Amino acid sequence: MTAPRTTALRRYPVLLALCLAALFMIVPFLIVAVNAVKSPAEYSQNGPLSLPHGLYLDGLKDFWQRVDYTQKLVNSVLISGSVALLATVLSVLNAYAIGIGRIRGRTWVLAFFVLANLLPQEALVYPLYYLSKEAGLYDTRLSVIIVFTVIQSAFGTYLLSAVLGQFPREIVEAARIDGANKWQILVRIVVPVSRPTLGVLLVFFFIWTWNEFLLPLVMLISNDNQTVSVALGVLQGQRLMDATMTNAAALLGVLPAIVFFLVFQRTLTRGIAVGAVK
């Protein structure tokens, strides 16, 4: 048996495991999607695993109107997009100072960011609630944007500090000899080289913020400011939905994040591949 054939045979178990993992992730989503377009009577009669005989869209329409999904979608996109952009920028600035600037106490600063990542959100609820009340930002989207920008940038700073710590010093020194200042080095050299990693952070920050529930639930109490995840939780807690509307709510809640991931999957794949090569 030749070496290439042996290598191919060794890849089959890995490929099979990946296919099974993908199947376990896709099947629940397909079940939710099927039940979202199934009538309550058909769901009760045939169960959740049966195929619908037609498209029943009243569940989607009723949920959309009941929670004012358009406004909730705008809020979630605005908050998640703002956090993704601001947290990425803040992470770059912090990591540039730590990884390339080599500030004093670098190890302790990185330890602080690691500790911030390990801190549970339950411990932040009351301090953030009190501070937002005192600052007059309670029940505003700006308060959630500020909070999650800081939280997400803690992880981004830790990751980018490790990446920029391996940045070739010769390039930086050559730019300084040519007369470039710190900002020019950051904007014209560091950011373009680190663009794949920044793209990965941008996608992750958006999806992570989109899925957040606890802090938006505490910080956003008005219907006009609530996000999609909060609207889903509040409406389900009222026990006013049948099985069809519950699946419709779950489908509408996760579908925008999936669309965003599919749109930026090339950015994500390119960033991970570049990181692996480095």
C-alpha atoms as a PDB file:
ATOM      1  CA  MET A   1       0.000   0.000   0.000  1.00  0.00           C
ATOM      2  CA  THR A   2       1.448   3.310  -1.044  1.00  0.00           C
ATOM      3  CA  ALA A   3       1.977   6.202   1.323  1.00  0.00           C
ATOM      4  CA  PRO A   4      -0.655   8.517  -0.268  1.00  0.00           C
ATOM      5  CA  ARG A   5      -3.298   5.784  -0.011  1.00  0.00           C
ATOM      6  CA  THR A   6      -2.393   5.156   3.622  1.00  0.00           C
ATOM      7  CA  THR A   7      -2.722   8.864   4.358  1.00  0.00           C
ATOM      8  CA  ALA A   8      -6.119   8.954   2.630  1.00  0.00           C
ATOM      9  CA  LEU A   9      -7.369   6.007   4.678  1.00  0.00           C
ATOM     10  CA  ARG A  10      -6.309   7.731   7.867  1.00  0.00           C
ATOM     11  CA  ARG A  11      -8.365  10.765   6.899  1.00  0.00           C
ATOM     12  CA  TYR A  12     -11.611   8.830   6.518  1.00  0.00           C
ATOM     13  CA  PRO A  13     -12.316   8.487  10.278  1.00  0.00           C
ATOM     14  CA  VAL A  14     -11.690  12.201  10.739  1.00  0.00           C
ATOM     15  CA  LEU A  15     -13.976  13.028   7.817  1.00  0.00           C
ATOM     16  CA  LEU A  16     -16.663  10.705   9.179  1.00  0.00           C
ATOM     17  CA  ALA A  17     -16.448  12.303  12.620  1.00  0.00           C
ATOM     18  CA  LEU A  18     -16.756  15.783  11.091  1.00  0.00           C
ATOM     19  CA  CYS A  19     -19.791  14.695   9.055  1.00  0.00           C
ATOM     20  CA  LEU A  20     -21.462  13.286  12.165  1.00  0.00           C
ATOM     21  CA  ALA A  21     -20.733  16.468  14.100  1.00  0.00           C
ATOM     22  CA  ALA A  22     -22.185  18.562  11.273  1.00  0.00           C
ATOM     23  CA  LEU A  23     -25.238  16.318  11.208  1.00  0.00           C
ATOM     24  CA  PHE A  24     -25.828  16.762  14.936  1.00  0.00           C
ATOM     25  CA  MET A  25     -25.692  20.542  14.484  1.00  0.00           C
ATOM     26  CA  ILE A  26     -27.842  20.753  11.341  1.00  0.00           C
ATOM     27  CA  VAL A  27     -30.630  18.328  12.266  1.00  0.00           C
ATOM     28  CA  PRO A  28     -31.993  20.365  15.240  1.00  0.00           C
ATOM     29  CA  PHE A  29     -32.074  23.488  13.091  1.00  0.00           C
ATOM     30  CA  LEU A  30     -33.935  21.625  10.323  1.00  0.00           C
ATOM     31  CA  ILE A  31     -36.474  20.301  12.845  1.00  0.00           C
ATOM     32  CA  VAL A  32     -37.100  23.825  14.115  1.00  0.00           C
ATOM     33  CA  ALA A  33     -37.434  25.154  10.564  1.00  0.00           C
ATOM     34  CA  VAL A  34     -39.901  22.410   9.610  1.00  0.00           C
ATOM     35  CA  ASN A  35     -42.047  22.902  12.704  1.00  0.00           C
ATOM     36  CA  ALA A  36     -42.047  26.679  12.187  1.00  0.00           C
ATOM     37  CA  VAL A  37     -44.061  26.241   8.960  1.00  0.00           C
ATOM     38  CA  LYS A  38     -46.381  23.584  10.376  1.00  0.00           C
ATOM     39  CA  SER A  39     -49.889  24.299  11.683  1.00  0.00           C
ATOM     40  CA  PRO A  40     -50.640  23.635  15.394  1.00  0.00           C
ATOM     41  CA  ALA A  41     -53.194  20.971  14.470  1.00  0.00           C
ATOM     42  CA  GLU A  42     -50.715  19.205  12.208  1.00  0.00           C
ATOM     43  CA  TYR A  43     -48.053  19.425  14.901  1.00  0.00           C
ATOM     44  CA  SER A  44     -50.378  17.903  17.506  1.00  0.00           C
ATOM     45  CA  GLN A  45     -51.572  15.173  15.181  1.00  0.00           C
ATOM     46  CA  ASN A  46     -48.315  14.046  13.536  1.00  0.00           C
ATOM     47  CA  GLY A  47     -45.640  15.145  16.027  1.00  0.00           C
ATOM     48  CA  PRO A  48     -42.502  17.257  15.624  1.00  0.00           C
ATOM     49  CA  LEU A  49     -40.661  14.871  13.270  1.00  0.00           C
ATOM     50  CA  SER A  50     -43.285  14.736  10.524  1.00  0.00           C
ATOM     51  CA  LEU A  51     -43.018  16.759   7.325  1.00  0.00           C
ATOM     52  CA  PRO A  52     -45.577  19.514   6.759  1.00  0.00           C
ATOM     53  CA  HIS A  53     -48.198  19.079   4.062  1.00  0.00           C
ATOM     54  CA  GLY A  54     -48.012  22.777   3.241  1.00  0.00           C
ATOM     55  CA  LEU A  55     -46.504  26.062   4.349  1.00  0.00           C
ATOM     56  CA  TYR A  56     -48.269  27.481   7.399  1.00  0.00           C
ATOM     57  CA  LEU A  57     -46.846  30.973   7.903  1.00  0.00           C
ATOM     58  CA  ASP A  58     -49.313  32.263  10.488  1.00  0.00           C
ATOM     59  CA  GLY A  59     -46.950  31.288  13.297  1.00  0.00           C
ATOM     60  CA  LEU A  60     -44.177  33.416  11.835  1.00  0.00           C
ATOM     61  CA  LYS A  61     -46.562  36.321  11.171  1.00  0.00           C
ATOM     62  CA  ASP A  62     -48.113  36.181  14.646  1.00  0.00           C
ATOM     63  CA  PHE A  63     -44.754  36.138  16.381  1.00  0.00           C
ATOM     64  CA  TRP A  64     -43.440  38.955  14.166  1.00  0.00           C
ATOM     65  CA  GLN A  65     -46.389  41.167  15.046  1.00  0.00           C
ATOM     66  CA  ARG A  66     -46.610  40.203  18.696  1.00  0.00           C
ATOM     67  CA  VAL A  67     -43.051  41.189  19.605  1.00  0.00           C
ATOM     68  CA  ASP A  68     -42.629  43.915  16.951  1.00  0.00           C
ATOM     69  CA  TYR A  69     -39.786  41.862  15.510  1.00  0.00           C
ATOM     70  CA  THR A  70     -38.697  44.588  13.104  1.00  0.00           C
ATOM     71  CA  GLN A  71     -37.785  46.908  15.969  1.00  0.00           C
ATOM     72  CA  LYS A  72     -36.121  44.091  17.919  1.00  0.00           C
ATOM     73  CA  LEU A  73     -34.107  43.137  14.847  1.00  0.00           C
ATOM     74  CA  VAL A  74     -32.944  46.723  14.356  1.00  0.00           C
ATOM     75  CA  ASN A  75     -31.911  46.914  18.017  1.00  0.00           C
ATOM     76  CA  SER A  76     -29.953  43.654  17.872  1.00  0.00           C
ATOM     77  CA  VAL A  77     -28.191  44.567  14.619  1.00  0.00           C
ATOM     78  CA  LEU A  78     -27.345  48.036  15.935  1.00  0.00           C
ATOM     79  CA  ILE A  79     -26.024  46.775  19.269  1.00  0.00           C
ATOM     80  CA  SER A  80     -24.156  43.748  17.895  1.00  0.00           C
ATOM     81  CA  GLY A  81     -22.668  45.653  14.967  1.00  0.00           C
ATOM     82  CA  SER A  82     -21.563  48.578  17.121  1.00  0.00           C
ATOM     83  CA  VAL A  83     -20.017  46.266  19.713  1.00  0.00           C
ATOM     84  CA  ALA A  84     -18.208  44.247  17.037  1.00  0.00           C
ATOM     85  CA  LEU A  85     -16.657  47.361  15.476  1.00  0.00           C
ATOM     86  CA  LEU A  86     -15.830  49.218  18.690  1.00  0.00           C
ATOM     87  CA  ALA A  87     -14.507  46.141  20.511  1.00  0.00           C
ATOM     88  CA  THR A  88     -12.259  45.277  17.566  1.00  0.00           C
ATOM     89  CA  VAL A  89     -10.861  48.821  17.445  1.00  0.00           C
ATOM     90  CA  LEU A  90     -10.324  48.889  21.212  1.00  0.00           C
ATOM     91  CA  SER A  91      -8.669  45.468  21.098  1.00  0.00           C
ATOM     92  CA  VAL A  92      -6.276  46.645  18.398  1.00  0.00           C
ATOM     93  CA  LEU A  93      -5.300  49.747  20.357  1.00  0.00           C
ATOM     94  CA  ASN A  94      -4.752  47.805  23.578  1.00  0.00           C
ATOM     95  CA  ALA A  95      -2.881  44.966  21.909  1.00  0.00           C
ATOM     96  CA  TYR A  96      -0.696  47.402  19.960  1.00  0.00           C
ATOM     97  CA  ALA A  97       0.437  48.994  23.195  1.00  0.00           C
ATOM     98  CA  ILE A  98       0.967  45.639  24.915  1.00  0.00           C
ATOM     99  CA  GLY A  99       2.288  43.473  22.083  1.00  0.00           C
ATOM    100  CA  ILE A 100       4.411  45.954  20.130  1.00  0.00           C
ATOM    101  CA  GLY A 101       4.779  48.873  22.504  1.00  0.00           C
ATOM    102  CA  ARG A 102       5.943  46.531  25.271  1.00  0.00           C
ATOM    103  CA  ILE A 103       4.486  48.548  28.133  1.00  0.00           C
ATOM    104  CA  ARG A 104       5.750  47.974  31.645  1.00  0.00           C
ATOM    105  CA  GLY A 105       4.033  45.253  33.607  1.00  0.00           C
ATOM    106  CA  ARG A 106       2.907  43.535  30.414  1.00  0.00           C
ATOM    107  CA  THR A 107       2.447  40.184  32.145  1.00  0.00           C
ATOM    108  CA  TRP A 108       0.236  41.675  34.861  1.00  0.00           C
ATOM    109  CA  VAL A 109      -1.831  43.572  32.319  1.00  0.00           C
ATOM    110  CA  LEU A 110      -2.455  40.385  30.335  1.00  0.00           C
ATOM    111  CA  ALA A 111      -3.324  38.578  33.566  1.00  0.00           C
ATOM    112  CA  PHE A 112      -5.914  41.275  34.251  1.00  0.00           C
ATOM    113  CA  PHE A 113      -7.549  40.723  30.849  1.00  0.00           C
ATOM    114  CA  VAL A 114      -7.575  36.959  31.400  1.00  0.00           C
ATOM    115  CA  LEU A 115      -9.275  37.516  34.764  1.00  0.00           C
ATOM    116  CA  ALA A 116     -11.835  39.779  33.090  1.00  0.00           C
ATOM    117  CA  ASN A 117     -12.686  36.955  30.682  1.00  0.00           C
ATOM    118  CA  LEU A 118     -13.203  34.518  33.557  1.00  0.00           C
ATOM    119  CA  LEU A 119     -15.472  36.833  35.555  1.00  0.00           C
ATOM    120  CA  PRO A 120     -19.122  35.643  35.336  1.00  0.00           C
ATOM    121  CA  GLN A 121     -21.695  38.120  34.127  1.00  0.00           C
ATOM    122  CA  GLU A 122     -23.857  37.450  37.180  1.00  0.00           C
ATOM    123  CA  ALA A 123     -21.232  39.247  39.247  1.00  0.00           C
ATOM    124  CA  LEU A 124     -21.521  42.310  37.002  1.00  0.00           C
ATOM    125  CA  VAL A 125     -25.297  42.693  37.036  1.00  0.00           C
ATOM    126  CA  TYR A 126     -25.727  44.886  40.119  1.00  0.00           C
ATOM    127  CA  PRO A 127     -22.620  47.100  39.618  1.00  0.00           C
ATOM    128  CA  LEU A 128     -23.587  47.760  35.999  1.00  0.00           C
ATOM    129  CA  TYR A 129     -27.206  48.390  36.953  1.00  0.00           C
ATOM    130  CA  TYR A 130     -26.158  50.895  39.636  1.00  0.00           C
ATOM    131  CA  LEU A 131     -23.606  52.679  37.426  1.00  0.00           C
ATOM    132  CA  SER A 132     -26.010  52.952  34.492  1.00  0.00           C
ATOM    133  CA  LYS A 133     -28.653  54.406  36.821  1.00  0.00           C
ATOM    134  CA  GLU A 134     -26.206  56.977  38.171  1.00  0.00           C
ATOM    135  CA  ALA A 135     -24.992  57.899  34.681  1.00  0.00           C
ATOM    136  CA  GLY A 136     -28.502  58.209  33.290  1.00  0.00           C
ATOM    137  CA  LEU A 137     -27.907  55.461  30.739  1.00  0.00           C
ATOM    138  CA  TYR A 138     -30.233  52.812  32.154  1.00  0.00           C
ATOM    139  CA  ASP A 139     -32.650  51.345  29.613  1.00  0.00           C
ATOM    140  CA  THR A 140     -30.678  52.698  26.673  1.00  0.00           C
ATOM    141  CA  ARG A 141     -28.966  50.809  23.894  1.00  0.00           C
ATOM    142  CA  LEU A 142     -25.844  52.869  24.475  1.00  0.00           C
ATOM    143  CA  SER A 143     -25.381  51.335  27.922  1.00  0.00           C
ATOM    144  CA  VAL A 144     -25.407  47.800  26.495  1.00  0.00           C
ATOM    145  CA  ILE A 145     -23.035  48.814  23.699  1.00  0.00           C
ATOM    146  CA  ILE A 146     -20.539  50.260  26.194  1.00  0.00           C
ATOM    147  CA  VAL A 147     -20.727  47.241  28.504  1.00  0.00           C
ATOM    148  CA  PHE A 148     -20.256  44.610  25.809  1.00  0.00           C
ATOM    149  CA  THR A 149     -17.580  46.625  24.030  1.00  0.00           C
ATOM    150  CA  VAL A 150     -15.491  46.445  27.195  1.00  0.00           C
ATOM    151  CA  ILE A 151     -16.309  42.774  27.825  1.00  0.00           C
ATOM    152  CA  GLN A 152     -15.548  41.615  24.276  1.00  0.00           C
ATOM    153  CA  SER A 153     -12.421  43.749  23.989  1.00  0.00           C
ATOM    154  CA  ALA A 154     -10.963  41.978  27.038  1.00  0.00           C
ATOM    155  CA  PHE A 155     -10.822  38.743  25.055  1.00  0.00           C
ATOM    156  CA  GLY A 156      -9.761  40.548  21.885  1.00  0.00           C
ATOM    157  CA  THR A 157      -6.906  42.291  23.692  1.00  0.00           C
ATOM    158  CA  TYR A 158      -5.633  39.023  25.124  1.00  0.00           C
ATOM    159  CA  LEU A 159      -5.748  37.289  21.729  1.00  0.00           C
ATOM    160  CA  LEU A 160      -4.261  40.129  19.693  1.00  0.00           C
ATOM    161  CA  SER A 161      -1.511  40.730  22.259  1.00  0.00           C
ATOM    162  CA  ALA A 162      -0.263  37.212  21.634  1.00  0.00           C
ATOM    163  CA  VAL A 163      -0.442  37.759  17.863  1.00  0.00           C
ATOM    164  CA  LEU A 164       1.226  41.176  17.847  1.00  0.00           C
ATOM    165  CA  GLY A 165       3.837  39.968  20.321  1.00  0.00           C
ATOM    166  CA  GLN A 166       5.207  37.846  17.458  1.00  0.00           C
ATOM    167  CA  PHE A 167       5.065  40.731  14.982  1.00  0.00           C
ATOM    168  CA  PRO A 168       8.433  41.130  13.181  1.00  0.00           C
ATOM    169  CA  ARG A 169      10.342  43.879  14.934  1.00  0.00           C
ATOM    170  CA  GLU A 170      12.378  44.519  11.791  1.00  0.00           C
ATOM    171  CA  ILE A 171       9.308  45.839   9.972  1.00  0.00           C
ATOM    172  CA  VAL A 172       8.476  48.208  12.813  1.00  0.00           C
ATOM    173  CA  GLU A 173      12.052  49.456  13.062  1.00  0.00           C
ATOM    174  CA  ALA A 174      12.272  49.965   9.301  1.00  0.00           C
ATOM    175  CA  ALA A 175       9.076  52.034   9.392  1.00  0.00           C
ATOM    176  CA  ARG A 176      10.469  54.148  12.214  1.00  0.00           C
ATOM    177  CA  ILE A 177      13.676  54.771  10.287  1.00  0.00           C
ATOM    178  CA  ASP A 178      11.557  55.940   7.339  1.00  0.00           C
ATOM    179  CA  GLY A 179       9.945  58.511   9.621  1.00  0.00           C
ATOM    180  CA  ALA A 180       6.655  56.816  10.454  1.00  0.00           C
ATOM    181  CA  ASN A 181       5.174  57.636  13.850  1.00  0.00           C
ATOM    182  CA  LYS A 182       3.283  55.219  16.109  1.00  0.00           C
ATOM    183  CA  TRP A 183      -0.109  55.921  14.560  1.00  0.00           C
ATOM    184  CA  GLN A 184       1.186  55.496  11.028  1.00  0.00           C
ATOM    185  CA  ILE A 185       2.812  52.181  11.969  1.00  0.00           C
ATOM    186  CA  LEU A 186      -0.476  51.019  13.472  1.00  0.00           C
ATOM    187  CA  VAL A 187      -2.730  52.107  10.608  1.00  0.00           C
ATOM    188  CA  ARG A 188      -0.494  51.401   7.615  1.00  0.00           C
ATOM    189  CA  ILE A 189       1.447  48.335   8.756  1.00  0.00           C
ATOM    190  CA  VAL A 190       0.004  46.524  11.776  1.00  0.00           C
ATOM    191  CA  VAL A 191      -3.701  46.691  10.870  1.00  0.00           C
ATOM    192  CA  PRO A 192      -3.301  45.546   7.206  1.00  0.00           C
ATOM    193  CA  VAL A 193      -1.084  42.630   8.253  1.00  0.00           C
ATOM    194  CA  SER A 194      -3.491  41.650  11.060  1.00  0.00           C
ATOM    195  CA  ARG A 195      -6.638  42.088   8.957  1.00  0.00           C
ATOM    196  CA  PRO A 196      -7.515  38.340   8.806  1.00  0.00           C
ATOM    197  CA  THR A 197      -7.349  38.048  12.601  1.00  0.00           C
ATOM    198  CA  LEU A 198      -9.394  41.225  12.985  1.00  0.00           C
ATOM    199  CA  GLY A 199     -12.019  39.778  10.644  1.00  0.00           C
ATOM    200  CA  VAL A 200     -12.314  36.694  12.848  1.00  0.00           C
ATOM    201  CA  LEU A 201     -12.750  38.850  15.949  1.00  0.00           C
ATOM    202  CA  LEU A 202     -15.374  40.965  14.192  1.00  0.00           C
ATOM    203  CA  VAL A 203     -17.475  37.913  13.313  1.00  0.00           C
ATOM    204  CA  PHE A 204     -17.126  36.368  16.770  1.00  0.00           C
ATOM    205  CA  PHE A 205     -17.954  39.606  18.575  1.00  0.00           C
ATOM    206  CA  PHE A 206     -21.098  40.088  16.504  1.00  0.00           C
ATOM    207  CA  ILE A 207     -22.400  36.559  17.093  1.00  0.00           C
ATOM    208  CA  TRP A 208     -21.480  36.525  20.793  1.00  0.00           C
ATOM    209  CA  THR A 209     -23.224  39.845  21.395  1.00  0.00           C
ATOM    210  CA  TRP A 210     -26.255  38.753  19.393  1.00  0.00           C
ATOM    211  CA  ASN A 211     -26.702  35.721  21.660  1.00  0.00           C
ATOM    212  CA  GLU A 212     -26.333  37.623  24.934  1.00  0.00           C
ATOM    213  CA  PHE A 213     -29.386  37.476  27.178  1.00  0.00           C
ATOM    214  CA  LEU A 214     -28.740  38.220  30.866  1.00  0.00           C
ATOM    215  CA  LEU A 215     -27.295  41.736  30.742  1.00  0.00           C
ATOM    216  CA  PRO A 216     -29.669  42.985  28.002  1.00  0.00           C
ATOM    217  CA  LEU A 217     -32.557  41.562  30.030  1.00  0.00           C
ATOM    218  CA  VAL A 218     -31.476  43.601  33.062  1.00  0.00           C
ATOM    219  CA  MET A 219     -30.373  46.753  31.234  1.00  0.00           C
ATOM    220  CA  LEU A 220     -33.173  47.009  28.645  1.00  0.00           C
ATOM    221  CA  ILE A 221     -36.679  46.972  30.095  1.00  0.00           C
ATOM    222  CA  SER A 222     -38.538  48.979  27.434  1.00  0.00           C
ATOM    223  CA  ASN A 223     -40.034  47.138  24.496  1.00  0.00           C
ATOM    224  CA  ASP A 224     -38.574  49.676  22.090  1.00  0.00           C
ATOM    225  CA  ASN A 225     -35.014  48.929  23.271  1.00  0.00           C
ATOM    226  CA  GLN A 226     -35.095  45.157  23.722  1.00  0.00           C
ATOM    227  CA  THR A 227     -33.082  42.789  21.564  1.00  0.00           C
ATOM    228  CA  VAL A 228     -34.275  39.669  19.771  1.00  0.00           C
ATOM    229  CA  SER A 229     -32.954  37.290  22.439  1.00  0.00           C
ATOM    230  CA  VAL A 230     -34.679  39.247  25.224  1.00  0.00           C
ATOM    231  CA  ALA A 231     -37.957  39.344  23.283  1.00  0.00           C
ATOM    232  CA  LEU A 232     -37.811  35.566  22.818  1.00  0.00           C
ATOM    233  CA  GLY A 233     -37.202  34.945  26.503  1.00  0.00           C
ATOM    234  CA  VAL A 234     -39.868  37.360  27.716  1.00  0.00           C
ATOM    235  CA  LEU A 235     -42.527  36.103  25.341  1.00  0.00           C
ATOM    236  CA  GLN A 236     -41.835  32.459  26.116  1.00  0.00           C
ATOM    237  CA  GLY A 237     -42.018  33.267  29.817  1.00  0.00           C
ATOM    238  CA  GLN A 238     -45.558  34.544  29.301  1.00  0.00           C
ATOM    239  CA  ARG A 239     -46.641  31.083  28.054  1.00  0.00           C
ATOM    240  CA  LEU A 240     -48.729  32.579  25.278  1.00  0.00           C
ATOM    241  CA  MET A 241     -47.242  30.632  22.368  1.00  0.00           C
ATOM    242  CA  ASP A 242     -48.124  27.274  20.895  1.00  0.00           C
ATOM    243  CA  ALA A 243     -45.516  24.839  19.606  1.00  0.00           C
ATOM    244  CA  THR A 244     -45.601  26.278  16.078  1.00  0.00           C
ATOM    245  CA  MET A 245     -45.042  29.836  17.242  1.00  0.00           C
ATOM    246  CA  THR A 246     -42.287  28.693  19.594  1.00  0.00           C
ATOM    247  CA  ASN A 247     -40.409  27.133  16.693  1.00  0.00           C
ATOM    248  CA  ALA A 248     -41.080  30.212  14.570  1.00  0.00           C
ATOM    249  CA  ALA A 249     -39.629  32.396  17.317  1.00  0.00           C
ATOM    250  CA  ALA A 250     -36.545  30.188  17.582  1.00  0.00           C
ATOM    251  CA  LEU A 251     -36.077  30.264  13.797  1.00  0.00           C
ATOM    252  CA  LEU A 252     -36.359  34.045  13.556  1.00  0.00           C
ATOM    253  CA  GLY A 253     -34.053  34.432  16.531  1.00  0.00           C
ATOM    254  CA  VAL A 254     -31.165  32.423  15.136  1.00  0.00           C
ATOM    255  CA  LEU A 255     -31.595  33.044  11.408  1.00  0.00           C
ATOM    256  CA  PRO A 256     -29.984  36.536  11.268  1.00  0.00           C
ATOM    257  CA  ALA A 257     -26.871  35.281  13.073  1.00  0.00           C
ATOM    258  CA  ILE A 258     -26.599  32.363  10.636  1.00  0.00           C
ATOM    259  CA  VAL A 259     -26.973  34.718   7.658  1.00  0.00           C
ATOM    260  CA  PHE A 260     -24.269  36.986   9.081  1.00  0.00           C
ATOM    261  CA  PHE A 261     -21.975  33.986   9.565  1.00  0.00           C
ATOM    262  CA  LEU A 262     -22.559  32.744   6.019  1.00  0.00           C
ATOM    263  CA  VAL A 263     -21.901  36.191   4.561  1.00  0.00           C
ATOM    264  CA  PHE A 264     -18.578  36.488   6.401  1.00  0.00           C
ATOM    265  CA  GLN A 265     -17.546  32.821   6.344  1.00  0.00           C
ATOM    266  CA  ARG A 266     -14.733  33.550   3.863  1.00  0.00           C
ATOM    267  CA  THR A 267     -13.353  36.157   6.233  1.00  0.00           C
ATOM    268  CA  LEU A 268     -13.540  33.694   9.094  1.00  0.00           C
ATOM    269  CA  THR A 269     -11.956  30.849   7.119  1.00  0.00           C
ATOM    270  CA  ARG A 270      -9.199  33.088   5.763  1.00  0.00           C
ATOM    271  CA  GLY A 271      -8.377  34.410   9.230  1.00  0.00           C
ATOM    272  CA  ILE A 272      -8.178  30.951  10.765  1.00  0.00           C
ATOM    273  CA  ALA A 273      -6.072  29.639   7.867  1.00  0.00           C
ATOM    274  CA  VAL A 274      -3.639  32.564   8.104  1.00  0.00           C
ATOM    275  CA  GLY A 275      -3.364  32.049  11.844  1.00  0.00           C
ATOM    276  CA  ALA A 276      -2.606  28.371  11.325  1.00  0.00           C
ATOM    277  CA  VAL A 277       0.095  29.156   8.755  1.00  0.00           C
ATOM    278  CA  LYS A 278       1.708  31.692  11.077  1.00  0.00           C
END
